[in-house]
Amino acid sequence: MTPPAEFSLPPPPPEAASHSHELAERIANEIGEAGGWIPFSRFMELALYAPGFGYYAAGAHKIGQDGDFITAPEVSSMFARCLAMQVRQVLDRTGGDVLELGPGTGILAADLFEELKAQRAAPARYRLLEVSPELRERQRRRLAERLPDDLDRFEWIDALPERIDGVVIANEVLDVLPFALVHRAGGEVLERGVVLTEAGFAWDDQPMPDGDLKRRAARVLPPGDYEYLTEVNLAAEGLVRSVSAALGNGLALFIDYGFSGAEYYHPQRAMGTLRCHYRHRYHSDPFFLPGLQDITAHVDFTAMARAALSGGAEVMGYTTQAHFLISCGLAVLVSEGDPGMTLSRLKATSAVHRLINPSEMGELFKVLGIGRGVASPLLGFQSARPLSLGLGEEEEEFG
C-alpha cells in the first residue's frame, strides 16, 4: 500500500516490503475466511502480533533511534533512577520481585536494576514478560553486557504469574493492546471493521451484537447524534484486571499516554486517538505497511482504574509523569551531577526535559498506581498533583 498523501514516509527496503506484503496477504485471507469482514481489533492483533510476521513478533528494530519511536527509558536513565526510588520503597515494605511487562529493548530493566543494586535494594528476581522473540533476544544481550554478574537474576516468562508480590511495571504497554473502534453515524452506533477491496484494505462499519462492547459504547459516547469515532480497549482493561487479581502484596504502575474518561470521550475529540508510528513519524493510516509500523491509541485511565477495582486492587495514585518523577526526586538526582541545577533550568535546558516538559511527555503521559497490601503514602504520588479519574469521592482518596 502507498503512504497517505499528506505524509512523506520513507519507503522500506525490499526485504521488509516483501514481509509486509506477505502479512497483508495473511490478513486478507482471514478476512475472506471470516465472511469478508473482521473487527479492527482483530486486524490490529494480526498486524502487531501475528506469529513471525506481526510488528512485535518479527525481527525489525522497533524502539530507539534506529526504530520507529522512542520511549521514556530511551530518553534518559533518569526515568529509571526515579522509578527505582518508588520501587525500593515498595520492596522494602512488601518484599518480592520486580515484574516488567513489555520490557522493550531491556534498557529500563538494566537501568532500574543497576540503580537498585547501587542502593543495595536489588530484588532477588527480575521477571520480564515479553511476547516478541526478537525483543527478548535484544533484552538478553543488553542485560548480559550491562549486568553479566547478575544475569541469573533475570527470568523471562510467557504469562502472568498466579500471584505477584513486589512491583509490576508496565511502561507503554496498554496503548498497544488491540482495541475496538466505535463509530456513531446517522444516529446509530456501529463497530468499525476492515474489508478487502480492489484497492486494498478499507473501513466498513457493522452493527454491534449485544455484549460488553455495545454496553461500554453506550456508556462512554458523549450525548448527541453527531458523527463520533473513538476507541474502546477491553483488552487493556482485561490486563489491568488480571494484574490486580494476581497482586498479593505489591504495587503495579501503568505508565502511558492518555486521559481520564471524561477527557478521553470529550465531545470535541470526535475523531478518536488512533495513531501509527513509522520511522519516528506518526500518522493515522493503520493499513500502511502492515507489520512494519506500530498502531496505538491513548489510554482511558478511568476505565483502567475501574478494572483494577473490579480485580480487587486499590487505586493508590494517578498523576502526570512529570509530577511522578519530580516526586520521586528527579531534581535531586540531576543536581548530584550539577549542584547549580534548579527545576526551572531542568525544564529548559536538561536532556531530561522531554520527560517532564508539558509539551512533550510530561503532561500527556500519566502514571496510574494500583496496589494491594501496600501502605500509603507512596513516594511518587505523595507530593504530586493528584488528578481526577471521575470514580467518585470515596474511590479517589489517594495521592
Protein backbone atom coordinates (compact mmCIF):
# COMPACT_ATOMS: atom_id res chain seq x y z
CA MET A 1 0.00 0.00 0.00
CA THR A 2 1.17 3.56 -0.63
CA PRO A 3 1.72 6.11 2.14
CA PRO A 4 -1.07 8.59 2.84
CA ALA A 5 -0.77 11.60 0.54
CA GLU A 6 -0.46 14.07 3.40
CA PHE A 7 2.65 12.34 4.77
CA SER A 8 6.12 11.76 3.43
CA LEU A 9 7.08 8.37 4.81
CA PRO A 10 10.37 6.71 3.81
CA PRO A 11 9.93 3.51 1.79
CA PRO A 12 11.05 0.25 3.39
CA PRO A 13 13.88 -1.86 2.00
CA PRO A 14 12.77 -4.64 -0.39
CA GLU A 15 13.00 -7.44 2.20
CA ALA A 16 10.81 -5.51 4.67
CA ALA A 17 8.33 -4.62 1.93
CA SER A 18 8.06 -8.31 0.99
CA HIS A 19 7.49 -9.19 4.64
CA SER A 20 4.69 -6.63 4.90
CA HIS A 21 3.12 -7.89 1.68
CA GLU A 22 3.05 -11.46 3.00
CA LEU A 23 1.43 -10.36 6.26
CA ALA A 24 -1.14 -8.34 4.30
CA GLU A 25 -1.99 -11.46 2.31
CA ARG A 26 -2.45 -13.45 5.52
CA ILE A 27 -4.78 -10.76 6.90
CA ALA A 28 -6.67 -10.71 3.59
CA ASN A 29 -7.11 -14.48 3.76
CA GLU A 30 -8.52 -14.21 7.29
CA ILE A 31 -10.97 -11.54 6.14
CA GLY A 32 -12.13 -13.88 3.39
CA GLU A 33 -12.47 -16.81 5.78
CA ALA A 34 -14.46 -14.62 8.18
CA GLY A 35 -17.03 -13.79 5.51
CA GLY A 36 -15.50 -10.56 4.22
CA TRP A 37 -15.23 -8.51 7.44
CA ILE A 38 -13.17 -8.55 10.63
CA PRO A 39 -13.33 -6.07 13.54
CA PHE A 40 -10.48 -3.60 13.67
CA SER A 41 -9.33 -5.13 16.96
CA ARG A 42 -8.60 -8.37 15.08
CA PHE A 43 -6.82 -6.52 12.26
CA MET A 44 -4.65 -4.76 14.86
CA GLU A 45 -3.93 -8.04 16.65
CA LEU A 46 -2.69 -9.61 13.42
CA ALA A 47 -0.73 -6.54 12.33
CA LEU A 48 1.11 -6.35 15.65
CA TYR A 49 1.24 -9.91 16.98
CA ALA A 50 0.78 -12.48 14.20
CA PRO A 51 3.48 -15.11 14.93
CA GLY A 52 6.58 -14.48 12.84
CA PHE A 53 5.03 -11.56 10.95
CA GLY A 54 3.38 -9.05 13.28
CA TYR A 55 5.17 -5.87 14.22
CA TYR A 56 6.01 -7.10 17.72
CA ALA A 57 6.57 -10.72 16.68
CA ALA A 58 9.09 -10.25 13.86
CA GLY A 59 12.70 -9.12 13.70
CA ALA A 60 12.70 -5.43 12.78
CA HIS A 61 14.10 -2.86 15.18
CA LYS A 62 11.16 -1.04 16.72
CA ILE A 63 12.30 1.13 19.62
CA GLY A 64 15.08 3.71 19.81
CA GLN A 65 16.80 5.98 17.33
CA ASP A 66 17.04 3.22 14.71
CA GLY A 67 13.41 2.17 15.17
CA ASP A 68 10.01 3.82 14.84
CA PHE A 69 9.54 5.55 18.18
CA ILE A 70 11.37 6.28 21.41
CA THR A 71 10.18 5.63 24.96
CA ALA A 72 10.99 7.41 28.21
CA PRO A 73 13.67 4.89 29.31
CA GLU A 74 15.44 5.52 25.99
CA VAL A 75 15.30 9.28 26.52
CA SER A 76 17.24 9.32 29.78
CA SER A 77 18.38 6.92 32.50
CA MET A 78 16.86 9.43 34.95
CA PHE A 79 13.50 7.83 34.23
CA ALA A 80 14.71 4.52 35.68
CA ARG A 81 16.60 6.19 38.52
CA CYS A 82 13.44 7.98 39.67
CA LEU A 83 11.38 4.83 39.24
CA ALA A 84 13.92 2.98 41.39
CA MET A 85 13.10 5.25 44.31
CA GLN A 86 9.46 4.18 44.19
CA VAL A 87 10.32 0.54 43.60
CA ARG A 88 12.69 0.48 46.55
CA GLN A 89 10.06 1.96 48.87
CA VAL A 90 7.57 -0.76 47.93
CA LEU A 91 10.05 -3.64 48.03
CA ASP A 92 11.15 -2.52 51.50
CA ARG A 93 7.52 -2.84 52.61
CA THR A 94 6.42 -5.95 50.74
CA GLY A 95 9.47 -7.89 49.61
CA GLY A 96 9.05 -9.88 46.42
CA ASP A 97 10.18 -9.36 42.83
CA VAL A 98 10.06 -6.82 40.06
CA LEU A 99 7.95 -7.85 37.07
CA GLU A 100 8.17 -5.76 33.92
CA LEU A 101 5.51 -6.14 31.24
CA GLY A 102 6.63 -5.46 27.68
CA PRO A 103 10.26 -4.62 28.52
CA GLY A 104 11.09 -3.29 25.04
CA THR A 105 14.84 -3.11 24.44
CA GLY A 106 15.65 -4.01 28.04
CA ILE A 107 17.10 -0.61 28.83
CA LEU A 108 14.64 0.06 31.66
CA ALA A 109 15.40 -3.32 33.23
CA ALA A 110 19.14 -2.66 33.02
CA ASP A 111 18.97 0.90 34.35
CA LEU A 112 16.46 0.09 37.07
CA PHE A 113 18.28 -2.99 38.36
CA GLU A 114 21.60 -1.15 38.25
CA GLU A 115 20.19 1.71 40.33
CA LEU A 116 18.55 -0.65 42.82
CA LYS A 117 21.81 -2.55 43.12
CA ALA A 118 23.67 0.70 43.82
CA GLN A 119 21.17 1.35 46.62
CA ARG A 120 21.63 -2.23 47.93
CA ALA A 121 17.97 -2.86 47.19
CA ALA A 122 18.12 -5.12 44.12
CA PRO A 123 15.43 -7.82 44.08
CA ALA A 124 16.43 -11.47 44.08
CA ARG A 125 14.47 -11.89 40.85
CA TYR A 126 13.58 -9.53 37.99
CA ARG A 127 10.97 -11.06 35.70
CA LEU A 128 10.30 -9.94 32.14
CA LEU A 129 7.07 -10.78 30.30
CA GLU A 130 7.82 -10.34 26.60
CA VAL A 131 5.89 -11.71 23.60
CA SER A 132 8.42 -10.72 20.92
CA PRO A 133 11.23 -13.25 20.31
CA GLU A 134 13.36 -10.53 18.71
CA LEU A 135 12.92 -8.18 21.65
CA ARG A 136 13.64 -10.98 24.11
CA GLU A 137 16.97 -11.56 22.42
CA ARG A 138 17.80 -7.85 22.47
CA GLN A 139 16.94 -7.76 26.16
CA ARG A 140 19.20 -10.73 26.89
CA ARG A 141 22.11 -9.20 25.03
CA ARG A 142 21.75 -5.86 26.75
CA LEU A 143 21.47 -7.36 30.23
CA ALA A 144 24.37 -9.75 29.61
CA GLU A 145 26.51 -6.79 28.56
CA ARG A 146 25.42 -4.43 31.33
CA LEU A 147 24.97 -6.87 34.23
CA PRO A 148 26.91 -10.07 33.46
CA ASP A 149 27.28 -11.00 37.13
CA ASP A 150 23.53 -10.67 37.75
CA LEU A 151 22.12 -12.28 34.62
CA ASP A 152 20.87 -15.27 36.58
CA ARG A 153 18.51 -12.95 38.48
CA PHE A 154 16.58 -12.18 35.28
CA GLU A 155 13.80 -14.53 34.23
CA TRP A 156 11.71 -14.37 31.06
CA ILE A 157 8.12 -15.57 31.35
CA ASP A 158 5.26 -16.08 28.89
CA ALA A 159 2.25 -15.32 31.10
CA LEU A 160 1.32 -13.53 34.29
CA PRO A 161 2.16 -15.47 37.46
CA GLU A 162 -0.79 -16.61 39.57
CA ARG A 163 0.45 -14.42 42.43
CA ILE A 164 2.61 -11.31 42.26
CA ASP A 165 4.42 -9.87 45.28
CA GLY A 166 6.55 -6.77 44.79
CA VAL A 167 6.33 -4.31 41.91
CA VAL A 168 4.82 -4.58 38.42
CA ILE A 169 5.92 -2.03 35.81
CA ALA A 170 4.08 -1.54 32.52
CA ASN A 171 5.56 1.35 30.55
CA GLU A 172 3.76 1.99 27.24
CA VAL A 173 2.04 -1.39 27.22
CA LEU A 174 -1.67 -0.61 27.43
CA ASP A 175 -1.65 1.61 24.33
CA VAL A 176 -0.64 -1.24 22.01
CA LEU A 177 -3.20 -3.81 23.13
CA PRO A 178 -5.80 -4.35 20.37
CA PHE A 179 -8.75 -2.01 20.76
CA ALA A 180 -12.16 -1.75 19.14
CA LEU A 181 -13.24 1.24 17.05
CA VAL A 182 -16.74 2.53 17.69
CA HIS A 183 -18.40 4.83 15.16
CA ARG A 184 -21.62 6.75 15.72
CA ALA A 185 -23.10 7.77 12.38
CA GLY A 186 -26.64 8.57 11.32
CA GLY A 187 -27.87 8.12 14.86
CA GLU A 188 -26.61 4.51 15.01
CA VAL A 189 -23.61 3.17 16.96
CA LEU A 190 -21.56 0.72 14.90
CA GLU A 191 -18.32 -1.22 15.22
CA ARG A 192 -15.72 -0.25 12.65
CA GLY A 193 -14.03 -3.13 10.92
CA VAL A 194 -11.90 -3.96 7.91
CA VAL A 195 -12.83 -5.33 4.49
CA LEU A 196 -10.81 -6.07 1.40
CA THR A 197 -11.36 -4.12 -1.83
CA GLU A 198 -9.55 -3.99 -5.14
CA ALA A 199 -7.57 -1.05 -3.76
CA GLY A 200 -6.60 -2.90 -0.56
CA PHE A 201 -7.89 -2.78 2.99
CA ALA A 202 -10.77 -0.43 3.69
CA TRP A 203 -13.05 0.59 6.55
CA ASP A 204 -16.52 -0.84 6.94
CA ASP A 205 -18.95 -0.33 9.84
CA GLN A 206 -21.26 -3.07 11.08
CA PRO A 207 -23.95 -3.25 13.79
CA MET A 208 -22.68 -4.38 17.17
CA PRO A 209 -24.13 -7.50 18.77
CA ASP A 210 -25.25 -7.25 22.38
CA GLY A 211 -22.29 -7.59 24.70
CA ASP A 212 -19.57 -5.75 26.61
CA LEU A 213 -18.52 -3.53 23.71
CA LYS A 214 -22.06 -2.35 22.97
CA ARG A 215 -22.72 -1.62 26.64
CA ARG A 216 -19.45 0.25 27.00
CA ALA A 217 -20.06 2.30 23.87
CA ALA A 218 -23.47 3.36 25.17
CA ARG A 219 -21.85 4.41 28.44
CA VAL A 220 -18.91 6.44 27.16
CA LEU A 221 -20.11 8.19 24.00
CA PRO A 222 -20.99 11.85 24.62
CA PRO A 223 -24.66 12.78 24.20
CA GLY A 224 -25.85 13.77 20.76
CA ASP A 225 -26.37 12.28 17.33
CA TYR A 226 -23.41 13.90 15.57
CA GLU A 227 -20.74 11.70 14.00
CA TYR A 228 -18.22 10.44 16.54
CA LEU A 229 -15.36 7.93 16.20
CA THR A 230 -13.46 6.59 19.20
CA GLU A 231 -11.72 3.58 20.75
CA VAL A 232 -12.73 1.15 23.49
CA ASN A 233 -9.93 -1.06 24.81
CA LEU A 234 -11.44 -4.03 26.60
CA ALA A 235 -8.17 -5.98 26.23
CA ALA A 236 -6.25 -3.35 28.20
CA GLU A 237 -8.89 -3.44 30.90
CA GLY A 238 -8.57 -7.21 30.98
CA LEU A 239 -4.82 -6.98 31.54
CA VAL A 240 -5.21 -4.47 34.38
CA ARG A 241 -7.91 -6.63 35.96
CA SER A 242 -5.69 -9.72 35.71
CA VAL A 243 -2.72 -7.93 37.28
CA SER A 244 -4.98 -6.64 40.05
CA ALA A 245 -6.34 -10.10 40.78
CA ALA A 246 -2.82 -11.57 40.88
CA LEU A 247 -1.38 -8.96 43.23
CA GLY A 248 -0.56 -10.38 46.62
CA ASN A 249 1.33 -7.62 48.40
CA GLY A 250 2.61 -5.05 45.99
CA LEU A 251 2.16 -2.19 43.56
CA ALA A 252 1.58 -2.06 39.81
CA LEU A 253 2.50 1.06 37.87
CA PHE A 254 0.93 1.67 34.46
CA ILE A 255 2.68 4.49 32.60
CA ASP A 256 1.26 5.59 29.28
CA TYR A 257 -0.19 8.48 27.33
CA GLY A 258 -3.87 9.04 27.89
CA PHE A 259 -6.66 10.80 29.75
CA SER A 260 -9.41 10.29 32.25
CA GLY A 261 -12.66 9.05 30.76
CA ALA A 262 -14.24 12.49 30.75
CA GLU A 263 -11.32 13.91 28.78
CA TYR A 264 -10.99 10.89 26.52
CA TYR A 265 -14.60 10.89 25.35
CA HIS A 266 -14.88 14.66 25.12
CA PRO A 267 -17.37 15.92 22.51
CA GLN A 268 -14.55 17.66 20.64
CA ARG A 269 -12.42 14.50 20.41
CA ALA A 270 -14.69 13.25 17.65
CA MET A 271 -12.04 11.51 15.55
CA GLY A 272 -10.51 9.35 18.29
CA THR A 273 -6.85 8.96 19.15
CA LEU A 274 -5.62 6.16 16.86
CA ARG A 275 -2.14 6.79 15.53
CA CYS A 276 0.64 4.84 13.88
CA HIS A 277 4.40 5.17 14.29
CA TYR A 278 6.83 4.59 11.44
CA ARG A 279 10.44 5.80 11.39
CA HIS A 280 9.80 8.45 14.05
CA ARG A 281 6.84 9.85 12.14
CA TYR A 282 3.24 9.38 13.15
CA HIS A 283 0.12 9.26 11.03
CA SER A 284 -3.40 7.81 11.11
CA ASP A 285 -3.41 5.05 8.47
CA PRO A 286 -3.19 1.58 10.08
CA PHE A 287 -3.32 -0.06 6.65
CA PHE A 288 0.07 1.34 5.64
CA LEU A 289 2.74 -1.38 5.59
CA PRO A 290 1.19 -3.93 7.99
CA GLY A 291 3.83 -5.44 10.24
CA LEU A 292 6.27 -2.56 9.76
CA GLN A 293 4.59 0.11 11.87
CA ASP A 294 3.23 0.43 15.37
CA ILE A 295 -0.50 1.02 15.93
CA THR A 296 -1.61 2.68 19.16
CA ALA A 297 -4.32 4.69 20.90
CA HIS A 298 -4.37 6.75 24.07
CA VAL A 299 -5.41 5.08 27.32
CA ASP A 300 -8.70 5.68 29.13
CA PHE A 301 -7.30 5.68 32.66
CA THR A 302 -10.73 5.83 34.28
CA ALA A 303 -11.59 2.51 32.62
CA MET A 304 -8.24 1.09 33.80
CA ALA A 305 -8.89 2.24 37.37
CA ARG A 306 -12.33 0.63 37.36
CA ALA A 307 -10.79 -2.58 36.03
CA ALA A 308 -8.28 -2.51 38.89
CA LEU A 309 -11.06 -2.09 41.44
CA SER A 310 -13.04 -4.94 39.90
CA GLY A 311 -9.93 -7.09 40.18
CA GLY A 312 -9.74 -6.44 43.91
CA ALA A 313 -6.90 -3.89 43.95
CA GLU A 314 -6.89 -0.37 45.32
CA VAL A 315 -6.15 2.77 43.30
CA MET A 316 -3.07 4.17 45.01
CA GLY A 317 -2.46 7.23 42.84
CA TYR A 318 -2.90 8.89 39.48
CA THR A 319 -0.82 11.82 38.28
CA THR A 320 1.23 13.10 35.36
CA GLN A 321 4.61 11.61 34.52
CA ALA A 322 6.24 14.96 35.30
CA HIS A 323 4.79 15.15 38.82
CA PHE A 324 5.55 11.48 39.49
CA LEU A 325 9.22 11.81 38.51
CA ILE A 326 9.65 15.06 40.41
CA SER A 327 8.02 13.49 43.48
CA CYS A 328 10.50 10.62 43.18
CA GLY A 329 13.40 13.06 43.37
CA LEU A 330 14.24 13.92 39.77
CA ALA A 331 15.61 17.36 40.61
CA VAL A 332 17.71 15.97 43.46
CA LEU A 333 19.14 13.20 41.28
CA VAL A 334 20.04 15.62 38.50
CA SER A 335 21.62 18.10 40.92
CA GLU A 336 24.03 15.37 42.07
CA GLY A 337 25.89 15.97 38.82
CA ASP A 338 25.19 19.71 38.69
CA PRO A 339 24.77 21.41 42.09
CA GLY A 340 23.50 24.57 40.41
CA MET A 341 20.67 22.80 38.62
CA THR A 342 17.24 24.15 39.50
CA LEU A 343 13.89 22.75 38.40
CA SER A 344 13.33 25.68 36.04
CA ARG A 345 16.75 25.09 34.44
CA LEU A 346 15.99 21.40 34.26
CA LYS A 347 12.80 22.03 32.30
CA ALA A 348 14.52 24.44 29.95
CA THR A 349 17.97 23.02 29.30
CA SER A 350 18.47 19.45 30.50
CA ALA A 351 18.46 16.40 28.30
CA VAL A 352 15.70 15.01 30.52
CA HIS A 353 13.35 17.91 29.79
CA ARG A 354 11.41 15.63 27.43
CA LEU A 355 10.36 13.54 30.42
CA ILE A 356 8.71 16.45 32.25
CA ASN A 357 8.09 19.11 29.61
CA PRO A 358 4.31 19.71 29.31
CA SER A 359 4.57 19.92 25.52
CA GLU A 360 6.27 16.52 25.29
CA MET A 361 5.95 13.59 27.74
CA GLY A 362 5.43 15.48 30.98
CA GLU A 363 1.68 16.12 30.88
CA LEU A 364 0.34 13.74 28.24
CA PHE A 365 1.90 10.71 29.94
CA LYS A 366 0.21 9.63 33.15
CA VAL A 367 1.09 7.21 35.95
CA LEU A 368 -1.61 5.02 37.48
CA GLY A 369 -0.67 3.12 40.62
CA ILE A 370 -2.76 0.20 41.82
CA GLY A 371 -1.90 -1.93 44.82
CA ARG A 372 -2.83 -4.44 47.43
CA GLY A 373 -1.28 -4.91 50.84
CA VAL A 374 0.98 -1.87 50.50
CA ALA A 375 0.53 1.16 52.73
CA SER A 376 0.13 4.75 51.60
CA PRO A 377 1.53 7.28 51.05
CA LEU A 378 3.67 6.27 48.12
CA LEU A 379 6.64 8.39 47.16
CA GLY A 380 5.64 9.03 43.56
CA PHE A 381 2.19 10.27 44.50
CA GLN A 382 2.81 11.78 47.93
CA SER A 383 3.63 15.32 46.82
CA ALA A 384 2.35 15.01 43.27
CA ARG A 385 -0.62 16.93 41.99
CA PRO A 386 -3.47 14.41 42.06
CA LEU A 387 -5.67 14.12 39.00
CA SER A 388 -9.33 13.15 38.94
CA LEU A 389 -10.36 9.84 37.45
CA GLY A 390 -14.07 10.54 37.82
CA LEU A 391 -14.62 7.50 40.02
CA GLY A 392 -16.39 9.19 42.91
CA GLU A 393 -15.06 10.71 46.10
CA GLU A 394 -14.59 7.51 48.12
CA GLU A 395 -12.73 5.79 45.29
CA GLU A 396 -10.44 8.78 44.74
CA GLU A 397 -8.93 9.22 48.18
CA PHE A 398 -5.37 8.69 47.01
CA GLY A 399 -2.26 10.74 46.40
